[in-house]
Amino acid sequence: MKLFRRLPAEVREAIDPGDRVLTYAEGPDGYVIAADRALYLGGERLPWFCVDRGAWDEEGLTVVTTGGRSYRALLPEPGRIPEAVRERVTASIVVNHYVPLDARGGVRLVARKADADRLVWEFVFDAGLDPDDAGLRALAEQALEETRRSFGV
């Protein structure tokens, strides 16, 4: 019995140097590859700190990025991809803190590990709040500074 399966050439060639394959699955549109630093899906490399969430159904995987873009991959046999996506997205989040801003709602402040020494912060405003509103933006920036101080990041 082999202890390690040999990676298919397509999987080895699809990943960037320095990324290490954790698991992969083949679907009708190609491979979905979960690596230590990114998810490879539909010919795209999505660093884990850019993946907001993944959802599964009987046909496959839908991934939504922090920028709101959605990706879909059909995976009749997903193998360990669901667990890897869940674990990697969760591991990328350092801080997830909700702050009320005014009577209309608040903002979720999310810090994600971009690499060993860099965090990327994201503002997720409640539905109905305009993220381009200068007053709300100022309140969110102030909340971010307070959150960074209290969490030490």
N, C-alpha and C. Protein backbone atom coordinates (compact mmCIF):
# COMPACT_ATOMS: atom_id res chain seq x y z
N MET A 1 0.84 -1.19 0.00
CA MET A 1 0.00 0.00 0.00
C MET A 1 0.88 1.24 0.00
N LYS A 2 0.54 2.20 -0.88
CA LYS A 2 1.29 3.45 -0.92
C LYS A 2 0.84 4.37 0.20
N LEU A 3 1.78 4.98 0.86
CA LEU A 3 1.44 5.93 1.92
C LEU A 3 1.03 7.28 1.33
N PHE A 4 1.67 7.70 0.25
CA PHE A 4 1.38 8.99 -0.36
C PHE A 4 1.00 8.79 -1.81
N ARG A 5 -0.08 9.46 -2.20
CA ARG A 5 -0.46 9.42 -3.61
C ARG A 5 0.37 10.45 -4.36
N ARG A 6 0.74 10.10 -5.54
CA ARG A 6 1.47 11.02 -6.39
C ARG A 6 0.49 12.04 -6.95
N LEU A 7 0.86 13.32 -6.89
CA LEU A 7 -0.01 14.37 -7.41
C LEU A 7 -0.08 14.29 -8.93
N PRO A 8 -1.27 14.46 -9.50
CA PRO A 8 -1.35 14.53 -10.96
C PRO A 8 -0.55 15.73 -11.47
N ALA A 9 -0.01 15.60 -12.65
CA ALA A 9 0.79 16.68 -13.24
C ALA A 9 0.01 17.99 -13.31
N GLU A 10 -1.29 17.91 -13.62
CA GLU A 10 -2.11 19.12 -13.71
C GLU A 10 -2.18 19.86 -12.38
N VAL A 11 -2.21 19.12 -11.30
CA VAL A 11 -2.26 19.73 -9.97
C VAL A 11 -0.92 20.38 -9.65
N ARG A 12 0.16 19.66 -9.89
CA ARG A 12 1.50 20.22 -9.62
C ARG A 12 1.73 21.49 -10.43
N GLU A 13 1.31 21.49 -11.68
CA GLU A 13 1.56 22.63 -12.57
C GLU A 13 0.64 23.81 -12.27
N ALA A 14 -0.49 23.58 -11.62
CA ALA A 14 -1.46 24.64 -11.38
C ALA A 14 -1.09 25.54 -10.21
N ILE A 15 -0.27 25.04 -9.28
CA ILE A 15 -0.02 25.82 -8.06
C ILE A 15 1.26 26.66 -8.20
N ASP A 16 1.28 27.75 -7.46
CA ASP A 16 2.44 28.63 -7.44
C ASP A 16 3.58 27.99 -6.66
N PRO A 17 4.82 28.33 -7.02
CA PRO A 17 5.95 27.86 -6.21
C PRO A 17 5.79 28.35 -4.77
N GLY A 18 6.07 27.52 -3.85
CA GLY A 18 5.93 27.88 -2.43
C GLY A 18 4.61 27.44 -1.82
N ASP A 19 3.58 27.22 -2.64
CA ASP A 19 2.32 26.71 -2.12
C ASP A 19 2.43 25.19 -1.99
N ARG A 20 1.86 24.67 -0.92
CA ARG A 20 1.90 23.23 -0.67
C ARG A 20 0.48 22.68 -0.74
N VAL A 21 0.27 21.68 -1.57
CA VAL A 21 -1.06 21.08 -1.74
C VAL A 21 -1.47 20.36 -0.46
N LEU A 22 -2.66 20.69 0.04
CA LEU A 22 -3.23 20.00 1.19
C LEU A 22 -4.17 18.89 0.72
N THR A 23 -5.01 19.21 -0.27
CA THR A 23 -5.93 18.24 -0.85
C THR A 23 -6.43 18.79 -2.18
N TYR A 24 -7.02 17.93 -2.97
CA TYR A 24 -7.56 18.35 -4.26
C TYR A 24 -8.69 17.41 -4.65
N ALA A 25 -9.52 17.90 -5.56
CA ALA A 25 -10.61 17.08 -6.10
C ALA A 25 -10.81 17.49 -7.55
N GLU A 26 -11.19 16.50 -8.35
CA GLU A 26 -11.41 16.78 -9.77
C GLU A 26 -12.89 16.82 -10.06
N GLY A 27 -13.27 17.87 -10.78
CA GLY A 27 -14.65 18.01 -11.24
C GLY A 27 -14.67 18.09 -12.75
N PRO A 28 -15.84 18.24 -13.33
CA PRO A 28 -15.95 18.29 -14.79
C PRO A 28 -15.24 19.49 -15.42
N ASP A 29 -15.02 20.54 -14.63
CA ASP A 29 -14.35 21.73 -15.15
C ASP A 29 -12.89 21.82 -14.73
N GLY A 30 -12.35 20.75 -14.18
CA GLY A 30 -10.95 20.75 -13.76
C GLY A 30 -10.82 20.52 -12.27
N TYR A 31 -9.61 20.78 -11.79
CA TYR A 31 -9.30 20.53 -10.38
C TYR A 31 -9.63 21.72 -9.50
N VAL A 32 -10.05 21.42 -8.27
CA VAL A 32 -10.11 22.38 -7.18
C VAL A 32 -9.01 21.94 -6.22
N ILE A 33 -8.11 22.88 -5.90
CA ILE A 33 -6.94 22.55 -5.10
C ILE A 33 -6.91 23.44 -3.87
N ALA A 34 -6.86 22.82 -2.70
CA ALA A 34 -6.66 23.55 -1.45
C ALA A 34 -5.19 23.42 -1.10
N ALA A 35 -4.51 24.55 -1.12
CA ALA A 35 -3.09 24.59 -0.75
C ALA A 35 -2.97 25.31 0.59
N ASP A 36 -1.79 25.32 1.14
CA ASP A 36 -1.61 25.95 2.45
C ASP A 36 -1.88 27.45 2.44
N ARG A 37 -1.60 28.12 1.32
CA ARG A 37 -1.76 29.58 1.28
C ARG A 37 -2.88 30.07 0.38
N ALA A 38 -3.52 29.17 -0.40
CA ALA A 38 -4.55 29.63 -1.34
C ALA A 38 -5.44 28.48 -1.79
N LEU A 39 -6.59 28.87 -2.33
CA LEU A 39 -7.51 27.95 -2.97
C LEU A 39 -7.42 28.19 -4.47
N TYR A 40 -7.25 27.12 -5.22
CA TYR A 40 -7.20 27.21 -6.69
C TYR A 40 -8.53 26.69 -7.21
N LEU A 41 -9.24 27.57 -7.91
CA LEU A 41 -10.60 27.27 -8.31
C LEU A 41 -10.88 27.97 -9.64
N GLY A 42 -11.29 27.21 -10.64
CA GLY A 42 -11.64 27.81 -11.92
C GLY A 42 -10.51 28.58 -12.57
N GLY A 43 -9.28 28.09 -12.40
CA GLY A 43 -8.13 28.77 -12.99
C GLY A 43 -7.66 29.98 -12.21
N GLU A 44 -8.26 30.26 -11.07
CA GLU A 44 -7.89 31.41 -10.24
C GLU A 44 -7.19 30.94 -8.97
N ARG A 45 -6.25 31.76 -8.50
CA ARG A 45 -5.62 31.55 -7.20
C ARG A 45 -6.24 32.54 -6.23
N LEU A 46 -6.92 32.03 -5.21
CA LEU A 46 -7.59 32.85 -4.21
C LEU A 46 -6.87 32.69 -2.88
N PRO A 47 -6.04 33.66 -2.49
CA PRO A 47 -5.40 33.55 -1.17
C PRO A 47 -6.48 33.42 -0.09
N TRP A 48 -6.19 32.65 0.93
CA TRP A 48 -7.20 32.38 1.95
C TRP A 48 -7.74 33.64 2.60
N PHE A 49 -6.92 34.68 2.76
CA PHE A 49 -7.42 35.89 3.41
C PHE A 49 -8.44 36.62 2.53
N CYS A 50 -8.54 36.25 1.26
CA CYS A 50 -9.53 36.85 0.34
C CYS A 50 -10.81 36.04 0.26
N VAL A 51 -10.86 34.88 0.88
CA VAL A 51 -12.05 34.03 0.84
C VAL A 51 -12.90 34.33 2.07
N ASP A 52 -14.10 34.86 1.82
CA ASP A 52 -15.00 35.19 2.93
C ASP A 52 -15.73 33.96 3.43
N ARG A 53 -16.21 33.14 2.48
CA ARG A 53 -16.95 31.95 2.89
C ARG A 53 -17.09 30.97 1.73
N GLY A 54 -17.35 29.74 2.11
CA GLY A 54 -17.63 28.69 1.14
C GLY A 54 -18.90 27.99 1.53
N ALA A 55 -19.67 27.57 0.55
CA ALA A 55 -20.92 26.83 0.82
C ALA A 55 -20.95 25.60 -0.06
N TRP A 56 -21.51 24.53 0.49
CA TRP A 56 -21.58 23.25 -0.21
C TRP A 56 -23.01 22.83 -0.45
N ASP A 57 -23.24 22.19 -1.58
CA ASP A 57 -24.50 21.51 -1.82
C ASP A 57 -24.17 20.20 -2.53
N GLU A 58 -25.18 19.47 -2.96
CA GLU A 58 -24.93 18.15 -3.54
C GLU A 58 -24.14 18.20 -4.84
N GLU A 59 -24.06 19.36 -5.47
CA GLU A 59 -23.34 19.46 -6.74
C GLU A 59 -21.93 19.98 -6.62
N GLY A 60 -21.65 20.77 -5.58
CA GLY A 60 -20.29 21.30 -5.49
C GLY A 60 -20.12 22.44 -4.53
N LEU A 61 -19.16 23.28 -4.84
CA LEU A 61 -18.67 24.35 -3.97
C LEU A 61 -18.98 25.71 -4.57
N THR A 62 -19.45 26.62 -3.72
CA THR A 62 -19.56 28.03 -4.07
C THR A 62 -18.69 28.79 -3.07
N VAL A 63 -17.81 29.64 -3.59
CA VAL A 63 -16.92 30.45 -2.75
C VAL A 63 -17.22 31.91 -3.03
N VAL A 64 -17.31 32.71 -1.95
CA VAL A 64 -17.50 34.15 -2.07
C VAL A 64 -16.27 34.81 -1.48
N THR A 65 -15.69 35.75 -2.25
CA THR A 65 -14.49 36.45 -1.77
C THR A 65 -14.89 37.63 -0.89
N THR A 66 -13.93 38.19 -0.19
CA THR A 66 -14.19 39.36 0.65
C THR A 66 -14.62 40.55 -0.20
N GLY A 67 -14.29 40.55 -1.48
CA GLY A 67 -14.73 41.60 -2.39
C GLY A 67 -16.11 41.36 -2.97
N GLY A 68 -16.74 40.23 -2.62
CA GLY A 68 -18.09 39.93 -3.07
C GLY A 68 -18.20 39.12 -4.35
N ARG A 69 -17.08 38.75 -4.93
CA ARG A 69 -17.12 37.94 -6.16
C ARG A 69 -17.41 36.48 -5.79
N SER A 70 -18.22 35.82 -6.62
CA SER A 70 -18.61 34.45 -6.36
C SER A 70 -18.01 33.51 -7.41
N TYR A 71 -17.56 32.35 -6.94
CA TYR A 71 -17.00 31.30 -7.81
C TYR A 71 -17.77 30.02 -7.54
N ARG A 72 -17.96 29.23 -8.58
CA ARG A 72 -18.69 27.96 -8.44
C ARG A 72 -17.89 26.84 -9.10
N ALA A 73 -17.78 25.71 -8.43
CA ALA A 73 -17.12 24.53 -9.00
C ALA A 73 -17.99 23.31 -8.75
N LEU A 74 -18.27 22.58 -9.82
CA LEU A 74 -18.99 21.32 -9.69
C LEU A 74 -18.01 20.27 -9.20
N LEU A 75 -18.38 19.61 -8.11
CA LEU A 75 -17.52 18.57 -7.53
C LEU A 75 -18.39 17.41 -7.05
N PRO A 76 -18.66 16.45 -7.93
CA PRO A 76 -19.48 15.32 -7.51
C PRO A 76 -18.83 14.52 -6.38
N GLU A 77 -17.51 14.45 -6.34
CA GLU A 77 -16.79 13.77 -5.27
C GLU A 77 -15.77 14.74 -4.68
N PRO A 78 -16.18 15.55 -3.69
CA PRO A 78 -15.31 16.62 -3.19
C PRO A 78 -14.15 16.16 -2.32
N GLY A 79 -14.16 14.92 -1.89
CA GLY A 79 -13.07 14.46 -1.03
C GLY A 79 -12.97 15.31 0.23
N ARG A 80 -11.76 15.79 0.53
CA ARG A 80 -11.53 16.58 1.75
C ARG A 80 -11.56 18.08 1.51
N ILE A 81 -11.98 18.50 0.30
CA ILE A 81 -12.03 19.93 -0.01
C ILE A 81 -12.93 20.70 0.98
N PRO A 82 -14.14 20.23 1.31
CA PRO A 82 -14.98 21.00 2.25
C PRO A 82 -14.30 21.28 3.59
N GLU A 83 -13.67 20.27 4.16
CA GLU A 83 -12.99 20.44 5.44
C GLU A 83 -11.80 21.40 5.31
N ALA A 84 -11.05 21.28 4.22
CA ALA A 84 -9.89 22.15 4.03
C ALA A 84 -10.31 23.60 3.87
N VAL A 85 -11.37 23.85 3.11
CA VAL A 85 -11.84 25.23 2.93
C VAL A 85 -12.29 25.80 4.27
N ARG A 86 -13.08 25.05 5.00
CA ARG A 86 -13.56 25.52 6.31
C ARG A 86 -12.39 25.83 7.25
N GLU A 87 -11.45 24.90 7.33
CA GLU A 87 -10.31 25.08 8.24
C GLU A 87 -9.44 26.26 7.84
N ARG A 88 -9.12 26.40 6.58
CA ARG A 88 -8.23 27.47 6.12
C ARG A 88 -8.87 28.84 6.24
N VAL A 89 -10.16 28.97 5.91
CA VAL A 89 -10.84 30.26 6.05
C VAL A 89 -10.91 30.64 7.52
N THR A 90 -11.29 29.70 8.36
CA THR A 90 -11.35 29.97 9.80
C THR A 90 -9.99 30.35 10.34
N ALA A 91 -8.94 29.65 9.93
CA ALA A 91 -7.59 29.93 10.41
C ALA A 91 -7.07 31.28 9.95
N SER A 92 -7.60 31.82 8.87
CA SER A 92 -7.12 33.11 8.37
C SER A 92 -7.66 34.27 9.19
N ILE A 93 -8.74 34.05 9.95
CA ILE A 93 -9.38 35.13 10.71
C ILE A 93 -8.72 35.27 12.08
N VAL A 94 -8.18 36.46 12.33
CA VAL A 94 -7.52 36.76 13.60
C VAL A 94 -8.49 37.47 14.54
N VAL A 95 -9.26 38.42 13.99
CA VAL A 95 -10.24 39.19 14.77
C VAL A 95 -11.53 39.25 13.96
N ASN A 96 -12.65 39.04 14.65
CA ASN A 96 -13.97 39.19 14.07
C ASN A 96 -14.81 39.86 15.14
N HIS A 97 -14.98 41.18 15.04
CA HIS A 97 -15.56 41.96 16.13
C HIS A 97 -16.65 42.88 15.59
N TYR A 98 -17.84 42.80 16.17
CA TYR A 98 -18.95 43.66 15.75
C TYR A 98 -19.01 44.90 16.63
N VAL A 99 -19.21 46.07 15.98
CA VAL A 99 -19.30 47.34 16.70
C VAL A 99 -20.54 48.10 16.21
N PRO A 100 -21.47 48.46 17.13
CA PRO A 100 -22.59 49.31 16.73
C PRO A 100 -22.06 50.71 16.41
N LEU A 101 -22.54 51.32 15.33
CA LEU A 101 -22.07 52.66 14.94
C LEU A 101 -23.07 53.75 15.31
N ASP A 102 -24.34 53.54 14.98
CA ASP A 102 -25.39 54.48 15.33
C ASP A 102 -26.71 53.72 15.39
N ALA A 103 -27.81 54.44 15.47
CA ALA A 103 -29.12 53.79 15.61
C ALA A 103 -29.48 52.92 14.41
N ARG A 104 -28.85 53.17 13.26
CA ARG A 104 -29.18 52.40 12.05
C ARG A 104 -28.47 51.06 11.97
N GLY A 105 -27.38 50.90 12.70
CA GLY A 105 -26.66 49.63 12.64
C GLY A 105 -25.19 49.78 12.96
N GLY A 106 -24.42 48.76 12.54
CA GLY A 106 -23.01 48.74 12.89
C GLY A 106 -22.15 48.13 11.81
N VAL A 107 -20.95 47.77 12.22
CA VAL A 107 -19.97 47.22 11.30
C VAL A 107 -19.25 46.05 11.96
N ARG A 108 -18.97 45.04 11.16
CA ARG A 108 -18.14 43.93 11.62
C ARG A 108 -16.72 44.22 11.15
N LEU A 109 -15.78 44.23 12.08
CA LEU A 109 -14.37 44.46 11.78
C LEU A 109 -13.68 43.10 11.74
N VAL A 110 -13.08 42.77 10.60
CA VAL A 110 -12.47 41.47 10.43
C VAL A 110 -11.02 41.65 10.04
N ALA A 111 -10.12 41.04 10.81
CA ALA A 111 -8.70 41.03 10.47
C ALA A 111 -8.34 39.62 10.04
N ARG A 112 -7.68 39.54 8.87
CA ARG A 112 -7.27 38.24 8.34
C ARG A 112 -5.76 38.25 8.13
N LYS A 113 -5.15 37.07 8.36
CA LYS A 113 -3.70 36.92 8.14
C LYS A 113 -3.45 36.86 6.64
N ALA A 114 -2.71 37.84 6.12
CA ALA A 114 -2.33 37.82 4.71
C ALA A 114 -1.04 37.02 4.54
N ASP A 115 -0.17 37.12 5.50
CA ASP A 115 1.05 36.31 5.56
C ASP A 115 1.53 36.33 7.00
N ALA A 116 2.73 35.87 7.24
CA ALA A 116 3.20 35.69 8.62
C ALA A 116 3.19 36.98 9.44
N ASP A 117 3.40 38.13 8.79
CA ASP A 117 3.52 39.37 9.57
C ASP A 117 2.61 40.49 9.08
N ARG A 118 1.56 40.17 8.35
CA ARG A 118 0.68 41.22 7.82
C ARG A 118 -0.78 40.82 7.98
N LEU A 119 -1.57 41.76 8.53
CA LEU A 119 -3.02 41.58 8.65
C LEU A 119 -3.72 42.49 7.64
N VAL A 120 -4.83 42.02 7.11
CA VAL A 120 -5.68 42.81 6.23
C VAL A 120 -7.01 43.00 6.96
N TRP A 121 -7.41 44.27 7.13
CA TRP A 121 -8.67 44.57 7.82
C TRP A 121 -9.77 44.81 6.81
N GLU A 122 -10.97 44.39 7.18
CA GLU A 122 -12.14 44.54 6.32
C GLU A 122 -13.29 45.11 7.15
N PHE A 123 -14.03 46.04 6.56
CA PHE A 123 -15.26 46.56 7.17
C PHE A 123 -16.44 45.86 6.50
N VAL A 124 -17.32 45.25 7.29
CA VAL A 124 -18.54 44.64 6.76
C VAL A 124 -19.70 45.37 7.44
N PHE A 125 -20.27 46.33 6.69
CA PHE A 125 -21.35 47.14 7.24
C PHE A 125 -22.66 46.37 7.21
N ASP A 126 -23.53 46.65 8.19
CA ASP A 126 -24.86 46.05 8.21
C ASP A 126 -25.61 46.40 6.93
N ALA A 127 -26.52 45.51 6.55
CA ALA A 127 -27.37 45.76 5.38
C ALA A 127 -28.11 47.08 5.58
N GLY A 128 -28.18 47.87 4.53
CA GLY A 128 -28.88 49.15 4.60
C GLY A 128 -27.97 50.32 4.90
N LEU A 129 -26.75 50.05 5.37
CA LEU A 129 -25.80 51.13 5.62
C LEU A 129 -24.94 51.33 4.37
N ASP A 130 -24.68 52.59 4.05
CA ASP A 130 -23.88 52.92 2.88
C ASP A 130 -22.40 52.97 3.27
N PRO A 131 -21.58 52.02 2.78
CA PRO A 131 -20.17 52.02 3.15
C PRO A 131 -19.41 53.23 2.62
N ASP A 132 -20.01 53.97 1.69
CA ASP A 132 -19.36 55.17 1.14
C ASP A 132 -19.75 56.44 1.90
N ASP A 133 -20.64 56.33 2.87
CA ASP A 133 -21.04 57.48 3.69
C ASP A 133 -19.85 57.91 4.54
N ALA A 134 -19.39 59.15 4.35
CA ALA A 134 -18.18 59.64 5.02
C ALA A 134 -18.31 59.61 6.55
N GLY A 135 -19.50 59.93 7.06
CA GLY A 135 -19.70 59.91 8.51
C GLY A 135 -19.60 58.51 9.08
N LEU A 136 -20.25 57.54 8.42
CA LEU A 136 -20.16 56.15 8.87
C LEU A 136 -18.74 55.62 8.75
N ARG A 137 -18.08 55.99 7.67
CA ARG A 137 -16.70 55.56 7.45
C ARG A 137 -15.80 56.06 8.59
N ALA A 138 -15.99 57.32 8.98
CA ALA A 138 -15.19 57.89 10.08
C ALA A 138 -15.46 57.14 11.39
N LEU A 139 -16.73 56.83 11.65
CA LEU A 139 -17.07 56.07 12.86
C LEU A 139 -16.43 54.68 12.81
N ALA A 140 -16.45 54.06 11.64
CA ALA A 140 -15.87 52.72 11.50
C ALA A 140 -14.35 52.78 11.68
N GLU A 141 -13.71 53.80 11.14
CA GLU A 141 -12.25 53.95 11.31
C GLU A 141 -11.89 54.13 12.79
N GLN A 142 -12.69 54.93 13.50
CA GLN A 142 -12.48 55.12 14.93
C GLN A 142 -12.66 53.80 15.68
N ALA A 143 -13.71 53.04 15.33
CA ALA A 143 -13.95 51.74 15.95
C ALA A 143 -12.80 50.78 15.66
N LEU A 144 -12.24 50.87 14.46
CA LEU A 144 -11.11 50.02 14.10
C LEU A 144 -9.91 50.32 14.98
N GLU A 145 -9.61 51.59 15.18
CA GLU A 145 -8.45 51.96 16.04
C GLU A 145 -8.66 51.45 17.46
N GLU A 146 -9.86 51.59 17.99
CA GLU A 146 -10.15 51.10 19.35
C GLU A 146 -10.03 49.57 19.40
N THR A 147 -10.52 48.90 18.37
CA THR A 147 -10.45 47.43 18.31
C THR A 147 -9.00 46.97 18.23
N ARG A 148 -8.20 47.63 17.39
CA ARG A 148 -6.79 47.26 17.27
C ARG A 148 -6.07 47.40 18.61
N ARG A 149 -6.37 48.49 19.32
CA ARG A 149 -5.75 48.69 20.64
C ARG A 149 -6.19 47.61 21.63
N SER A 150 -7.49 47.33 21.67
CA SER A 150 -7.98 46.38 22.66
C SER A 150 -7.54 44.94 22.37
N PHE A 151 -7.37 44.59 21.08
CA PHE A 151 -6.91 43.24 20.73
C PHE A 151 -5.40 43.16 20.58
N GLY A 152 -4.72 44.31 20.61
CA GLY A 152 -3.26 44.30 20.50
C GLY A 152 -2.75 43.92 19.13
N VAL A 153 -3.50 44.26 18.08
CA VAL A 153 -3.07 43.95 16.72
C VAL A 153 -3.05 45.20 15.84
